[in-house]
Amino acid sequence: LAQMERYPDGGGFTLKRALAGRLGVSERQITLGN
């Protein structure tokens, strides 16, 4: 919340990297959604 004036990472790099590591897939295989 301390950074709420900033736009989020449009590509979701950190979240996709965390998901890829957890699921054993490539970051290129992930699509994020609201």
PDB file of all heavy atoms in Angstrom:
ATOM      1  N   LEU A   1       0.817  -1.215   0.000  1.00  0.00           N
ATOM      2  CA  LEU A   1       0.000   0.000   0.000  1.00  0.00           C
ATOM      3  C   LEU A   1       0.854   1.270   0.000  1.00  0.00           C
ATOM      4  O   LEU A   1       0.406   2.324  -0.452  1.00  0.00           O
ATOM      5  CB  LEU A   1      -0.931   0.011   1.206  1.00  0.00           C
ATOM      6  CG  LEU A   1      -2.112  -0.966   1.170  1.00  0.00           C
ATOM      7  CD1 LEU A   1      -2.828  -0.979   2.509  1.00  0.00           C
ATOM      8  CD2 LEU A   1      -3.079  -0.596   0.050  1.00  0.00           C
ATOM      9  N   ALA A   2       2.083   1.165   0.476  1.00  0.00           N
ATOM     10  CA  ALA A   2       2.972   2.331   0.511  1.00  0.00           C
ATOM     11  C   ALA A   2       3.348   2.795  -0.892  1.00  0.00           C
ATOM     12  O   ALA A   2       3.857   3.904  -1.064  1.00  0.00           O
ATOM     13  CB  ALA A   2       4.233   2.003   1.307  1.00  0.00           C
ATOM     14  N   GLN A   3       3.093   1.958  -1.894  1.00  0.00           N
ATOM     15  CA  GLN A   3       3.417   2.307  -3.277  1.00  0.00           C
ATOM     16  C   GLN A   3       2.160   2.435  -4.133  1.00  0.00           C
ATOM     17  O   GLN A   3       2.214   2.283  -5.353  1.00  0.00           O
ATOM     18  CB  GLN A   3       4.340   1.250  -3.884  1.00  0.00           C
ATOM     19  CG  GLN A   3       5.689   1.145  -3.190  1.00  0.00           C
ATOM     20  CD  GLN A   3       6.581   0.117  -3.862  1.00  0.00           C
ATOM     21  OE1 GLN A   3       6.123  -0.919  -4.315  1.00  0.00           O
ATOM     22  NE2 GLN A   3       7.867   0.417  -3.935  1.00  0.00           N
ATOM     23  N   MET A   4       1.039   2.737  -3.518  1.00  0.00           N
ATOM     24  CA  MET A   4      -0.226   2.721  -4.267  1.00  0.00           C
ATOM     25  C   MET A   4      -0.304   3.776  -5.361  1.00  0.00           C
ATOM     26  O   MET A   4      -1.157   3.693  -6.242  1.00  0.00           O
ATOM     27  CB  MET A   4      -1.414   2.883  -3.313  1.00  0.00           C
ATOM     28  CG  MET A   4      -1.542   4.255  -2.678  1.00  0.00           C
ATOM     29  SD  MET A   4      -3.090   4.440  -1.772  1.00  0.00           S
ATOM     30  CE  MET A   4      -2.857   3.332  -0.402  1.00  0.00           C
ATOM     31  N   GLU A   5       0.585   4.755  -5.345  1.00  0.00           N
ATOM     32  CA  GLU A   5       0.572   5.753  -6.419  1.00  0.00           C
ATOM     33  C   GLU A   5       1.203   5.217  -7.699  1.00  0.00           C
ATOM     34  O   GLU A   5       1.086   5.832  -8.765  1.00  0.00           O
ATOM     35  CB  GLU A   5       1.323   7.020  -5.965  1.00  0.00           C
ATOM     36  CG  GLU A   5       2.847   6.908  -5.940  1.00  0.00           C
ATOM     37  CD  GLU A   5       3.377   6.206  -4.698  1.00  0.00           C
ATOM     38  OE1 GLU A   5       2.558   5.693  -3.902  1.00  0.00           O
ATOM     39  OE2 GLU A   5       4.614   6.183  -4.518  1.00  0.00           O
ATOM     40  N   ARG A   6       1.853   4.047  -7.629  1.00  0.00           N
ATOM     41  CA  ARG A   6       2.522   3.457  -8.786  1.00  0.00           C
ATOM     42  C   ARG A   6       1.607   2.481  -9.516  1.00  0.00           C
ATOM     43  O   ARG A   6       0.801   1.782  -8.891  1.00  0.00           O
ATOM     44  CB  ARG A   6       3.776   2.706  -8.340  1.00  0.00           C
ATOM     45  CG  ARG A   6       4.786   3.539  -7.564  1.00  0.00           C
ATOM     46  CD  ARG A   6       5.393   4.605  -8.431  1.00  0.00           C
ATOM     47  NE  ARG A   6       6.444   5.337  -7.704  1.00  0.00           N
ATOM     48  CZ  ARG A   6       7.034   6.420  -8.169  1.00  0.00           C
ATOM     49  NH1 ARG A   6       6.698   6.898  -9.366  1.00  0.00           N
ATOM     50  NH2 ARG A   6       7.953   7.037  -7.459  1.00  0.00           N
ATOM     51  N   TYR A   7       1.771   2.425 -10.822  1.00  0.00           N
ATOM     52  CA  TYR A   7       1.114   1.358 -11.572  1.00  0.00           C
ATOM     53  C   TYR A   7       1.740   0.018 -11.188  1.00  0.00           C
ATOM     54  O   TYR A   7       2.935  -0.050 -10.887  1.00  0.00           O
ATOM     55  CB  TYR A   7       1.276   1.567 -13.079  1.00  0.00           C
ATOM     56  CG  TYR A   7       0.377   2.618 -13.676  1.00  0.00           C
ATOM     57  CD1 TYR A   7       0.888   3.857 -14.045  1.00  0.00           C
ATOM     58  CD2 TYR A   7      -0.974   2.363 -13.870  1.00  0.00           C
ATOM     59  CE1 TYR A   7       0.072   4.836 -14.587  1.00  0.00           C
ATOM     60  CE2 TYR A   7      -1.799   3.334 -14.414  1.00  0.00           C
ATOM     61  CZ  TYR A   7      -1.278   4.569 -14.773  1.00  0.00           C
ATOM     62  OH  TYR A   7      -2.093   5.526 -15.314  1.00  0.00           O
ATOM     63  N   PRO A   8       0.953  -1.051 -11.235  1.00  0.00           N
ATOM     64  CA  PRO A   8       1.546  -2.364 -10.973  1.00  0.00           C
ATOM     65  C   PRO A   8       2.430  -2.799 -12.135  1.00  0.00           C
ATOM     66  O   PRO A   8       2.385  -2.208 -13.211  1.00  0.00           O
ATOM     67  CB  PRO A   8       0.314  -3.279 -10.859  1.00  0.00           C
ATOM     68  CG  PRO A   8      -0.736  -2.604 -11.677  1.00  0.00           C
ATOM     69  CD  PRO A   8      -0.499  -1.124 -11.510  1.00  0.00           C
ATOM     70  N   ASP A   9       3.220  -3.821 -11.900  1.00  0.00           N
ATOM     71  CA  ASP A   9       4.011  -4.416 -12.973  1.00  0.00           C
ATOM     72  C   ASP A   9       3.049  -4.999 -14.000  1.00  0.00           C
ATOM     73  O   ASP A   9       2.337  -5.966 -13.730  1.00  0.00           O
ATOM     74  CB  ASP A   9       4.913  -5.507 -12.391  1.00  0.00           C
ATOM     75  CG  ASP A   9       5.697  -6.268 -13.455  1.00  0.00           C
ATOM     76  OD1 ASP A   9       5.598  -5.921 -14.641  1.00  0.00           O
ATOM     77  OD2 ASP A   9       6.412  -7.210 -13.084  1.00  0.00           O
ATOM     78  N   GLY A  10       3.024  -4.409 -15.190  1.00  0.00           N
ATOM     79  CA  GLY A  10       2.070  -4.834 -16.211  1.00  0.00           C
ATOM     80  C   GLY A  10       2.274  -6.258 -16.677  1.00  0.00           C
ATOM     81  O   GLY A  10       1.334  -6.908 -17.142  1.00  0.00           O
ATOM     82  N   GLY A  11       3.495  -6.764 -16.556  1.00  0.00           N
ATOM     83  CA  GLY A  11       3.762  -8.132 -16.966  1.00  0.00           C
ATOM     84  C   GLY A  11       3.699  -9.129 -15.823  1.00  0.00           C
ATOM     85  O   GLY A  11       3.768 -10.345 -16.046  1.00  0.00           O
ATOM     86  N   GLY A  12       3.562  -8.625 -14.586  1.00  0.00           N
ATOM     87  CA  GLY A  12       3.473  -9.509 -13.426  1.00  0.00           C
ATOM     88  C   GLY A  12       4.696 -10.393 -13.253  1.00  0.00           C
ATOM     89  O   GLY A  12       4.581 -11.569 -12.892  1.00  0.00           O
ATOM     90  N   PHE A  13       5.890  -9.827 -13.474  1.00  0.00           N
ATOM     91  CA  PHE A  13       7.116 -10.628 -13.518  1.00  0.00           C
ATOM     92  C   PHE A  13       7.330 -11.444 -12.242  1.00  0.00           C
ATOM     93  O   PHE A  13       7.553 -12.655 -12.285  1.00  0.00           O
ATOM     94  CB  PHE A  13       8.331  -9.719 -13.760  1.00  0.00           C
ATOM     95  CG  PHE A  13       9.647 -10.434 -13.666  1.00  0.00           C
ATOM     96  CD1 PHE A  13      10.108 -11.208 -14.712  1.00  0.00           C
ATOM     97  CD2 PHE A  13      10.409 -10.345 -12.504  1.00  0.00           C
ATOM     98  CE1 PHE A  13      11.318 -11.886 -14.614  1.00  0.00           C
ATOM     99  CE2 PHE A  13      11.619 -11.026 -12.397  1.00  0.00           C
ATOM    100  CZ  PHE A  13      12.079 -11.790 -13.462  1.00  0.00           C
ATOM    101  N   THR A  14       7.276 -10.797 -11.083  1.00  0.00           N
ATOM    102  CA  THR A  14       7.578 -11.491  -9.830  1.00  0.00           C
ATOM    103  C   THR A  14       6.556 -12.579  -9.541  1.00  0.00           C
ATOM    104  O   THR A  14       6.908 -13.689  -9.119  1.00  0.00           O
ATOM    105  CB  THR A  14       7.628 -10.486  -8.664  1.00  0.00           C
ATOM    106  OG1 THR A  14       8.610  -9.485  -8.945  1.00  0.00           O
ATOM    107  CG2 THR A  14       7.979 -11.184  -7.358  1.00  0.00           C
ATOM    108  N   LEU A  15       5.283 -12.291  -9.760  1.00  0.00           N
ATOM    109  CA  LEU A  15       4.242 -13.289  -9.521  1.00  0.00           C
ATOM    110  C   LEU A  15       4.372 -14.453 -10.499  1.00  0.00           C
ATOM    111  O   LEU A  15       4.269 -15.628 -10.106  1.00  0.00           O
ATOM    112  CB  LEU A  15       2.851 -12.651  -9.628  1.00  0.00           C
ATOM    113  CG  LEU A  15       1.660 -13.593  -9.467  1.00  0.00           C
ATOM    114  CD1 LEU A  15       1.742 -14.393  -8.174  1.00  0.00           C
ATOM    115  CD2 LEU A  15       0.351 -12.807  -9.523  1.00  0.00           C
ATOM    116  N   LYS A  16       4.620 -14.172 -11.764  1.00  0.00           N
ATOM    117  CA  LYS A  16       4.769 -15.252 -12.747  1.00  0.00           C
ATOM    118  C   LYS A  16       5.993 -16.106 -12.436  1.00  0.00           C
ATOM    119  O   LYS A  16       5.964 -17.333 -12.575  1.00  0.00           O
ATOM    120  CB  LYS A  16       4.834 -14.672 -14.156  1.00  0.00           C
ATOM    121  CG  LYS A  16       3.486 -14.127 -14.639  1.00  0.00           C
ATOM    122  CD  LYS A  16       3.605 -13.318 -15.908  1.00  0.00           C
ATOM    123  CE  LYS A  16       3.865 -14.162 -17.116  1.00  0.00           C
ATOM    124  NZ  LYS A  16       3.760 -13.362 -18.363  1.00  0.00           N
ATOM    125  N   ARG A  17       7.063 -15.479 -11.994  1.00  0.00           N
ATOM    126  CA  ARG A  17       8.256 -16.243 -11.635  1.00  0.00           C
ATOM    127  C   ARG A  17       7.964 -17.154 -10.442  1.00  0.00           C
ATOM    128  O   ARG A  17       8.387 -18.326 -10.416  1.00  0.00           O
ATOM    129  CB  ARG A  17       9.409 -15.300 -11.306  1.00  0.00           C
ATOM    130  CG  ARG A  17      10.715 -16.021 -10.949  1.00  0.00           C
ATOM    131  CD  ARG A  17      11.855 -15.046 -10.744  1.00  0.00           C
ATOM    132  NE  ARG A  17      11.553 -14.098  -9.670  1.00  0.00           N
ATOM    133  CZ  ARG A  17      12.372 -13.093  -9.328  1.00  0.00           C
ATOM    134  NH1 ARG A  17      13.497 -12.890  -9.989  1.00  0.00           N
ATOM    135  NH2 ARG A  17      12.038 -12.286  -8.332  1.00  0.00           N
ATOM    136  N   ALA A  18       7.232 -16.637  -9.443  1.00  0.00           N
ATOM    137  CA  ALA A  18       6.890 -17.451  -8.278  1.00  0.00           C
ATOM    138  C   ALA A  18       5.979 -18.610  -8.663  1.00  0.00           C
ATOM    139  O   ALA A  18       6.155 -19.749  -8.192  1.00  0.00           O
ATOM    140  CB  ALA A  18       6.221 -16.581  -7.217  1.00  0.00           C
ATOM    141  N   LEU A  19       4.998 -18.351  -9.521  1.00  0.00           N
ATOM    142  CA  LEU A  19       4.094 -19.412  -9.974  1.00  0.00           C
ATOM    143  C   LEU A  19       4.843 -20.467 -10.781  1.00  0.00           C
ATOM    144  O   LEU A  19       4.631 -21.668 -10.610  1.00  0.00           O
ATOM    145  CB  LEU A  19       2.958 -18.816 -10.818  1.00  0.00           C
ATOM    146  CG  LEU A  19       1.855 -18.100 -10.052  1.00  0.00           C
ATOM    147  CD1 LEU A  19       0.985 -17.277 -11.008  1.00  0.00           C
ATOM    148  CD2 LEU A  19       0.995 -19.099  -9.282  1.00  0.00           C
ATOM    149  N   ALA A  20       5.708 -20.015 -11.674  1.00  0.00           N
ATOM    150  CA  ALA A  20       6.464 -20.948 -12.509  1.00  0.00           C
ATOM    151  C   ALA A  20       7.319 -21.866 -11.641  1.00  0.00           C
ATOM    152  O   ALA A  20       7.384 -23.087 -11.873  1.00  0.00           O
ATOM    153  CB  ALA A  20       7.328 -20.174 -13.500  1.00  0.00           C
ATOM    154  N   GLY A  21       7.978 -21.296 -10.631  1.00  0.00           N
ATOM    155  CA  GLY A  21       8.793 -22.107  -9.744  1.00  0.00           C
ATOM    156  C   GLY A  21       7.977 -23.110  -8.953  1.00  0.00           C
ATOM    157  O   GLY A  21       8.389 -24.255  -8.753  1.00  0.00           O
ATOM    158  N   ARG A  22       6.800 -22.693  -8.520  1.00  0.00           N
ATOM    159  CA  ARG A  22       5.940 -23.578  -7.729  1.00  0.00           C
ATOM    160  C   ARG A  22       5.358 -24.694  -8.599  1.00  0.00           C
ATOM    161  O   ARG A  22       5.239 -25.842  -8.156  1.00  0.00           O
ATOM    162  CB  ARG A  22       4.822 -22.748  -7.084  1.00  0.00           C
ATOM    163  CG  ARG A  22       3.739 -23.558  -6.356  1.00  0.00           C
ATOM    164  CD  ARG A  22       4.352 -24.465  -5.300  1.00  0.00           C
ATOM    165  NE  ARG A  22       5.057 -23.728  -4.274  1.00  0.00           N
ATOM    166  CZ  ARG A  22       4.537 -23.438  -3.088  1.00  0.00           C
ATOM    167  NH1 ARG A  22       3.320 -23.845  -2.787  1.00  0.00           N
ATOM    168  NH2 ARG A  22       5.247 -22.789  -2.200  1.00  0.00           N
ATOM    169  N   LEU A  23       4.967 -24.378  -9.830  1.00  0.00           N
ATOM    170  CA  LEU A  23       4.261 -25.331 -10.685  1.00  0.00           C
ATOM    171  C   LEU A  23       5.179 -26.135 -11.599  1.00  0.00           C
ATOM    172  O   LEU A  23       4.730 -27.086 -12.243  1.00  0.00           O
ATOM    173  CB  LEU A  23       3.227 -24.583 -11.546  1.00  0.00           C
ATOM    174  CG  LEU A  23       2.158 -23.802 -10.771  1.00  0.00           C
ATOM    175  CD1 LEU A  23       1.327 -22.963 -11.724  1.00  0.00           C
ATOM    176  CD2 LEU A  23       1.272 -24.745  -9.970  1.00  0.00           C
ATOM    177  N   GLY A  24       6.444 -25.739 -11.686  1.00  0.00           N
ATOM    178  CA  GLY A  24       7.366 -26.443 -12.558  1.00  0.00           C
ATOM    179  C   GLY A  24       7.112 -26.183 -14.032  1.00  0.00           C
ATOM    180  O   GLY A  24       7.247 -27.086 -14.874  1.00  0.00           O
ATOM    181  N   VAL A  25       6.724 -24.958 -14.358  1.00  0.00           N
ATOM    182  CA  VAL A  25       6.479 -24.575 -15.745  1.00  0.00           C
ATOM    183  C   VAL A  25       7.303 -23.340 -16.066  1.00  0.00           C
ATOM    184  O   VAL A  25       7.950 -22.752 -15.202  1.00  0.00           O
ATOM    185  CB  VAL A  25       4.979 -24.295 -15.997  1.00  0.00           C
ATOM    186  CG1 VAL A  25       4.141 -25.532 -15.693  1.00  0.00           C
ATOM    187  CG2 VAL A  25       4.492 -23.104 -15.155  1.00  0.00           C
ATOM    188  N   SER A  26       7.266 -22.931 -17.327  1.00  0.00           N
ATOM    189  CA  SER A  26       7.935 -21.705 -17.745  1.00  0.00           C
ATOM    190  C   SER A  26       7.053 -20.497 -17.458  1.00  0.00           C
ATOM    191  O   SER A  26       5.817 -20.588 -17.506  1.00  0.00           O
ATOM    192  CB  SER A  26       8.246 -21.774 -19.247  1.00  0.00           C
ATOM    193  OG  SER A  26       8.559 -20.498 -19.757  1.00  0.00           O
ATOM    194  N   GLU A  27       7.662 -19.369 -17.174  1.00  0.00           N
ATOM    195  CA  GLU A  27       6.905 -18.126 -17.002  1.00  0.00           C
ATOM    196  C   GLU A  27       6.113 -17.783 -18.256  1.00  0.00           C
ATOM    197  O   GLU A  27       5.068 -17.125 -18.187  1.00  0.00           O
ATOM    198  CB  GLU A  27       7.859 -16.993 -16.640  1.00  0.00           C
ATOM    199  CG  GLU A  27       8.542 -17.177 -15.294  1.00  0.00           C
ATOM    200  CD  GLU A  27       9.734 -16.270 -15.112  1.00  0.00           C
ATOM    201  OE1 GLU A  27       9.696 -15.142 -15.634  1.00  0.00           O
ATOM    202  OE2 GLU A  27      10.706 -16.688 -14.451  1.00  0.00           O
ATOM    203  N   ARG A  28       6.610 -18.232 -19.409  1.00  0.00           N
ATOM    204  CA  ARG A  28       5.933 -17.965 -20.678  1.00  0.00           C
ATOM    205  C   ARG A  28       4.614 -18.724 -20.789  1.00  0.00           C
ATOM    206  O   ARG A  28       3.820 -18.440 -21.684  1.00  0.00           O
ATOM    207  CB  ARG A  28       6.847 -18.332 -21.842  1.00  0.00           C
ATOM    208  CG  ARG A  28       8.116 -17.490 -21.923  1.00  0.00           C
ATOM    209  CD  ARG A  28       9.093 -17.998 -22.981  1.00  0.00           C
ATOM    210  NE  ARG A  28       8.457 -18.109 -24.292  1.00  0.00           N
ATOM    211  CZ  ARG A  28       8.294 -19.251 -24.944  1.00  0.00           C
ATOM    212  NH1 ARG A  28       8.684 -20.408 -24.392  1.00  0.00           N
ATOM    213  NH2 ARG A  28       7.728 -19.263 -26.140  1.00  0.00           N
ATOM    214  N   GLN A  29       4.370 -19.669 -19.893  1.00  0.00           N
ATOM    215  CA  GLN A  29       3.133 -20.453 -19.937  1.00  0.00           C
ATOM    216  C   GLN A  29       2.026 -19.866 -19.069  1.00  0.00           C
ATOM    217  O   GLN A  29       0.929 -20.420 -19.011  1.00  0.00           O
ATOM    218  CB  GLN A  29       3.416 -21.887 -19.468  1.00  0.00           C
ATOM    219  CG  GLN A  29       4.302 -22.688 -20.397  1.00  0.00           C
ATOM    220  CD  GLN A  29       4.572 -24.077 -19.851  1.00  0.00           C
ATOM    221  OE1 GLN A  29       5.650 -24.372 -19.346  1.00  0.00           O
ATOM    222  NE2 GLN A  29       3.571 -24.950 -19.937  1.00  0.00           N
ATOM    223  N   ILE A  30       2.270 -18.754 -18.418  1.00  0.00           N
ATOM    224  CA  ILE A  30       1.330 -18.206 -17.434  1.00  0.00           C
ATOM    225  C   ILE A  30       0.679 -16.934 -17.954  1.00  0.00           C
ATOM    226  O   ILE A  30       1.347 -16.057 -18.503  1.00  0.00           O
ATOM    227  CB  ILE A  30       2.059 -17.931 -16.104  1.00  0.00           C
ATOM    228  CG1 ILE A  30       2.577 -19.246 -15.515  1.00  0.00           C
ATOM    229  CG2 ILE A  30       1.130 -17.238 -15.105  1.00  0.00           C
ATOM    230  CD1 ILE A  30       3.502 -19.074 -14.340  1.00  0.00           C
ATOM    231  N   THR A  31      -0.622 -16.844 -17.763  1.00  0.00           N
ATOM    232  CA  THR A  31      -1.393 -15.645 -18.075  1.00  0.00           C
ATOM    233  C   THR A  31      -2.118 -15.206 -16.809  1.00  0.00           C
ATOM    234  O   THR A  31      -2.850 -15.995 -16.208  1.00  0.00           O
ATOM    235  CB  THR A  31      -2.428 -15.903 -19.191  1.00  0.00           C
ATOM    236  OG1 THR A  31      -1.778 -16.494 -20.314  1.00  0.00           O
ATOM    237  CG2 THR A  31      -3.111 -14.609 -19.614  1.00  0.00           C
ATOM    238  N   LEU A  32      -1.912 -13.969 -16.396  1.00  0.00           N
ATOM    239  CA  LEU A  32      -2.526 -13.468 -15.166  1.00  0.00           C
ATOM    240  C   LEU A  32      -3.876 -12.819 -15.447  1.00  0.00           C
ATOM    241  O   LEU A  32      -4.109 -12.270 -16.532  1.00  0.00           O
ATOM    242  CB  LEU A  32      -1.599 -12.450 -14.499  1.00  0.00           C
ATOM    243  CG  LEU A  32      -0.217 -12.955 -14.093  1.00  0.00           C
ATOM    244  CD1 LEU A  32       0.592 -11.817 -13.468  1.00  0.00           C
ATOM    245  CD2 LEU A  32      -0.315 -14.134 -13.136  1.00  0.00           C
ATOM    246  N   GLY A  33      -4.752 -12.866 -14.447  1.00  0.00           N
ATOM    247  CA  GLY A  33      -6.072 -12.270 -14.612  1.00  0.00           C
ATOM    248  C   GLY A  33      -6.584 -11.632 -13.338  1.00  0.00           C
ATOM    249  O   GLY A  33      -6.109 -11.931 -12.236  1.00  0.00           O
ATOM    250  N   ASN A  34      -7.561 -10.764 -13.503  1.00  0.00           N
ATOM    251  CA  ASN A  34      -8.221 -10.098 -12.389  1.00  0.00           C
ATOM    252  C   ASN A  34      -9.245 -11.067 -11.806  1.00  0.00           C
ATOM    253  O   ASN A  34     -10.461 -10.912 -11.972  1.00  0.00           O
ATOM    254  CB  ASN A  34      -8.887  -8.813 -12.890  1.00  0.00           C
ATOM    255  CG  ASN A  34      -9.479  -7.975 -11.781  1.00  0.00           C
ATOM    256  OD1 ASN A  34     -10.647  -7.625 -11.815  1.00  0.00           O
ATOM    257  ND2 ASN A  34      -8.677  -7.649 -10.797  1.00  0.00           N
TER     258      ASN A  34
END
